[in-house]
Amino acid sequence: SNDEVLALIYKINGDIDFVVDGQQIVTILKKQNHWIQRMFRKIKVNIPEYKRVTLDEYASYVFLQIDGIKTVEAIGQKLEEKYGEASHPLYERLLLFLNHIDVNEHYIGTINH
């Protein structure tokens, strides 16, 4: 139900490294540590240790709200306070993003699912 979805709480995956610049833009650093990547590095093929994924302003703002305490509803309220109409349709977009970085990217996970 809608209430259950809005009550979800996410936390950032402990395996994820990220940096935040002065403009509060988040760059995710995904370790490229597959055995094939390590093997190629040994034979001096230039494979970066990290894949860098820079989030846009909205995504960075949402990502930085994820703290293992705030519910989806609370994050949505903060997003609306900051961006107003530009954040609409609010929960449809927010839930699509959260689902993507949870299910596809594994940057976050729910703690009360």
C-alpha atoms as a PDB file:
ATOM      1  CA  SER A   1       0.000   0.000   0.000  1.00  0.00           C
ATOM      2  CA  ASN A   2       1.018   3.659  -0.279  1.00  0.00           C
ATOM      3  CA  ASP A   3       1.438   3.981   3.488  1.00  0.00           C
ATOM      4  CA  GLU A   4       3.837   1.031   3.579  1.00  0.00           C
ATOM      5  CA  VAL A   5       5.921   2.467   0.749  1.00  0.00           C
ATOM      6  CA  LEU A   6       6.088   5.927   2.345  1.00  0.00           C
ATOM      7  CA  ALA A   7       7.161   4.323   5.645  1.00  0.00           C
ATOM      8  CA  LEU A   8      10.171   2.559   4.065  1.00  0.00           C
ATOM      9  CA  ILE A   9      13.539   3.528   5.492  1.00  0.00           C
ATOM     10  CA  TYR A  10      16.708   3.167   3.433  1.00  0.00           C
ATOM     11  CA  LYS A  11      20.351   3.100   4.430  1.00  0.00           C
ATOM     12  CA  ILE A  12      23.436   3.472   2.263  1.00  0.00           C
ATOM     13  CA  ASN A  13      25.118   0.153   1.494  1.00  0.00           C
ATOM     14  CA  GLY A  14      28.260  -0.229   3.603  1.00  0.00           C
ATOM     15  CA  ASP A  15      30.216  -1.497   0.581  1.00  0.00           C
ATOM     16  CA  ILE A  16      29.715   1.780  -1.298  1.00  0.00           C
ATOM     17  CA  ASP A  17      32.316   4.542  -1.163  1.00  0.00           C
ATOM     18  CA  PHE A  18      31.317   8.038  -2.184  1.00  0.00           C
ATOM     19  CA  VAL A  19      32.634  11.578  -2.083  1.00  0.00           C
ATOM     20  CA  VAL A  20      30.712  14.849  -1.801  1.00  0.00           C
ATOM     21  CA  ASP A  21      32.091  18.009  -3.398  1.00  0.00           C
ATOM     22  CA  GLY A  22      31.616  21.622  -2.264  1.00  0.00           C
ATOM     23  CA  GLN A  23      28.352  21.922  -4.206  1.00  0.00           C
ATOM     24  CA  GLN A  24      26.964  18.861  -2.389  1.00  0.00           C
ATOM     25  CA  ILE A  25      27.225  16.733  -5.543  1.00  0.00           C
ATOM     26  CA  VAL A  26      27.768  13.039  -4.817  1.00  0.00           C
ATOM     27  CA  THR A  27      30.150  10.833  -6.782  1.00  0.00           C
ATOM     28  CA  ILE A  28      29.776   7.104  -6.130  1.00  0.00           C
ATOM     29  CA  LEU A  29      33.005   5.109  -6.285  1.00  0.00           C
ATOM     30  CA  LYS A  30      32.247   1.522  -7.297  1.00  0.00           C
ATOM     31  CA  LYS A  31      35.197  -0.779  -6.701  1.00  0.00           C
ATOM     32  CA  GLN A  32      36.064  -2.756  -9.837  1.00  0.00           C
ATOM     33  CA  ASN A  33      37.344  -5.829  -8.092  1.00  0.00           C
ATOM     34  CA  HIS A  34      36.206  -8.725 -10.262  1.00  0.00           C
ATOM     35  CA  TRP A  35      38.885 -11.396 -10.690  1.00  0.00           C
ATOM     36  CA  ILE A  36      39.151 -10.637 -14.420  1.00  0.00           C
ATOM     37  CA  GLN A  37      39.734  -6.936 -13.678  1.00  0.00           C
ATOM     38  CA  ARG A  38      42.414  -7.815 -11.112  1.00  0.00           C
ATOM     39  CA  MET A  39      44.090 -10.190 -13.575  1.00  0.00           C
ATOM     40  CA  PHE A  40      44.199  -7.552 -16.326  1.00  0.00           C
ATOM     41  CA  ARG A  41      45.652  -5.017 -13.863  1.00  0.00           C
ATOM     42  CA  LYS A  42      48.469  -7.483 -13.085  1.00  0.00           C
ATOM     43  CA  ILE A  43      49.434  -7.553 -16.773  1.00  0.00           C
ATOM     44  CA  LYS A  44      49.384  -3.728 -16.768  1.00  0.00           C
ATOM     45  CA  VAL A  45      46.108  -3.166 -18.626  1.00  0.00           C
ATOM     46  CA  ASN A  46      44.802   0.197 -17.477  1.00  0.00           C
ATOM     47  CA  ILE A  47      41.594  -0.682 -15.638  1.00  0.00           C
ATOM     48  CA  PRO A  48      40.701   1.897 -12.989  1.00  0.00           C
ATOM     49  CA  GLU A  49      40.231   0.549  -9.494  1.00  0.00           C
ATOM     50  CA  TYR A  50      36.975   2.481  -9.206  1.00  0.00           C
ATOM     51  CA  LYS A  51      34.168   3.292 -11.593  1.00  0.00           C
ATOM     52  CA  ARG A  52      33.009   6.839 -10.819  1.00  0.00           C
ATOM     53  CA  VAL A  53      29.306   7.687 -11.097  1.00  0.00           C
ATOM     54  CA  THR A  54      28.424  11.345 -10.482  1.00  0.00           C
ATOM     55  CA  LEU A  55      24.825  12.020  -9.473  1.00  0.00           C
ATOM     56  CA  ASP A  56      22.971  15.161 -10.552  1.00  0.00           C
ATOM     57  CA  GLU A  57      21.796  17.830  -8.097  1.00  0.00           C
ATOM     58  CA  TYR A  58      18.434  16.195  -7.249  1.00  0.00           C
ATOM     59  CA  ALA A  59      19.860  12.680  -6.976  1.00  0.00           C
ATOM     60  CA  SER A  60      22.713  13.933  -4.791  1.00  0.00           C
ATOM     61  CA  TYR A  61      20.267  15.725  -2.504  1.00  0.00           C
ATOM     62  CA  VAL A  62      18.125  12.589  -2.130  1.00  0.00           C
ATOM     63  CA  PHE A  63      21.174  10.349  -1.642  1.00  0.00           C
ATOM     64  CA  LEU A  64      22.461  12.587   1.162  1.00  0.00           C
ATOM     65  CA  GLN A  65      19.048  12.373   2.914  1.00  0.00           C
ATOM     66  CA  ILE A  66      19.329   8.574   3.160  1.00  0.00           C
ATOM     67  CA  ASP A  67      20.486   7.998   6.722  1.00  0.00           C
ATOM     68  CA  GLY A  68      18.769   4.876   8.019  1.00  0.00           C
ATOM     69  CA  ILE A  69      16.346   7.079   9.986  1.00  0.00           C
ATOM     70  CA  LYS A  70      14.252   9.153   7.545  1.00  0.00           C
ATOM     71  CA  THR A  71      11.282   7.501   5.857  1.00  0.00           C
ATOM     72  CA  VAL A  72      10.570   7.880   2.143  1.00  0.00           C
ATOM     73  CA  GLU A  73       7.809  10.309   3.140  1.00  0.00           C
ATOM     74  CA  ALA A  74      10.243  12.462   5.174  1.00  0.00           C
ATOM     75  CA  ILE A  75      12.761  12.512   2.301  1.00  0.00           C
ATOM     76  CA  GLY A  76       9.956  13.542  -0.055  1.00  0.00           C
ATOM     77  CA  GLN A  77       8.966  16.386   2.260  1.00  0.00           C
ATOM     78  CA  LYS A  78      12.578  17.653   2.382  1.00  0.00           C
ATOM     79  CA  LEU A  79      12.787  17.406  -1.416  1.00  0.00           C
ATOM     80  CA  GLU A  80       9.593  19.421  -1.815  1.00  0.00           C
ATOM     81  CA  GLU A  81      10.770  22.052   0.703  1.00  0.00           C
ATOM     82  CA  LYS A  82      13.994  22.513  -1.255  1.00  0.00           C
ATOM     83  CA  TYR A  83      12.776  22.248  -4.865  1.00  0.00           C
ATOM     84  CA  GLY A  84       9.023  22.937  -4.705  1.00  0.00           C
ATOM     85  CA  GLU A  85       7.143  22.353  -7.982  1.00  0.00           C
ATOM     86  CA  ALA A  86      10.347  21.234  -9.746  1.00  0.00           C
ATOM     87  CA  SER A  87      10.240  18.044  -7.669  1.00  0.00           C
ATOM     88  CA  HIS A  88       6.759  17.035  -8.925  1.00  0.00           C
ATOM     89  CA  PRO A  89       5.377  14.426  -9.434  1.00  0.00           C
ATOM     90  CA  LEU A  90       7.147  14.021  -6.113  1.00  0.00           C
ATOM     91  CA  TYR A  91       6.712  10.469  -4.853  1.00  0.00           C
ATOM     92  CA  GLU A  92       6.485   8.848  -8.297  1.00  0.00           C
ATOM     93  CA  ARG A  93       9.914  10.234  -9.212  1.00  0.00           C
ATOM     94  CA  LEU A  94      11.409   9.694  -5.760  1.00  0.00           C
ATOM     95  CA  LEU A  95      10.295   6.056  -5.575  1.00  0.00           C
ATOM     96  CA  LEU A  96      11.512   5.347  -9.120  1.00  0.00           C
ATOM     97  CA  PHE A  97      14.952   6.732  -8.211  1.00  0.00           C
ATOM     98  CA  LEU A  98      15.155   4.927  -4.849  1.00  0.00           C
ATOM     99  CA  ASN A  99      14.085   1.656  -6.456  1.00  0.00           C
ATOM    100  CA  HIS A 100      16.730   2.073  -9.179  1.00  0.00           C
ATOM    101  CA  ILE A 101      19.621   2.747  -6.801  1.00  0.00           C
ATOM    102  CA  ASP A 102      18.413  -0.119  -4.571  1.00  0.00           C
ATOM    103  CA  VAL A 103      17.509  -2.904  -7.017  1.00  0.00           C
ATOM    104  CA  ASN A 104      19.775  -2.114 -10.003  1.00  0.00           C
ATOM    105  CA  GLU A 105      22.797  -0.367  -8.484  1.00  0.00           C
ATOM    106  CA  HIS A 106      22.763  -1.735  -4.895  1.00  0.00           C
ATOM    107  CA  TYR A 107      23.870   1.658  -3.496  1.00  0.00           C
ATOM    108  CA  ILE A 108      21.154   1.470  -0.794  1.00  0.00           C
ATOM    109  CA  GLY A 109      18.894  -1.043   0.926  1.00  0.00           C
ATOM    110  CA  THR A 110      15.769  -0.962   3.055  1.00  0.00           C
ATOM    111  CA  ILE A 111      16.094  -1.590   6.769  1.00  0.00           C
ATOM    112  CA  ASN A 112      12.422  -2.081   7.639  1.00  0.00           C
ATOM    113  CA  HIS A 113      11.173  -4.109   4.689  1.00  0.00           C
END
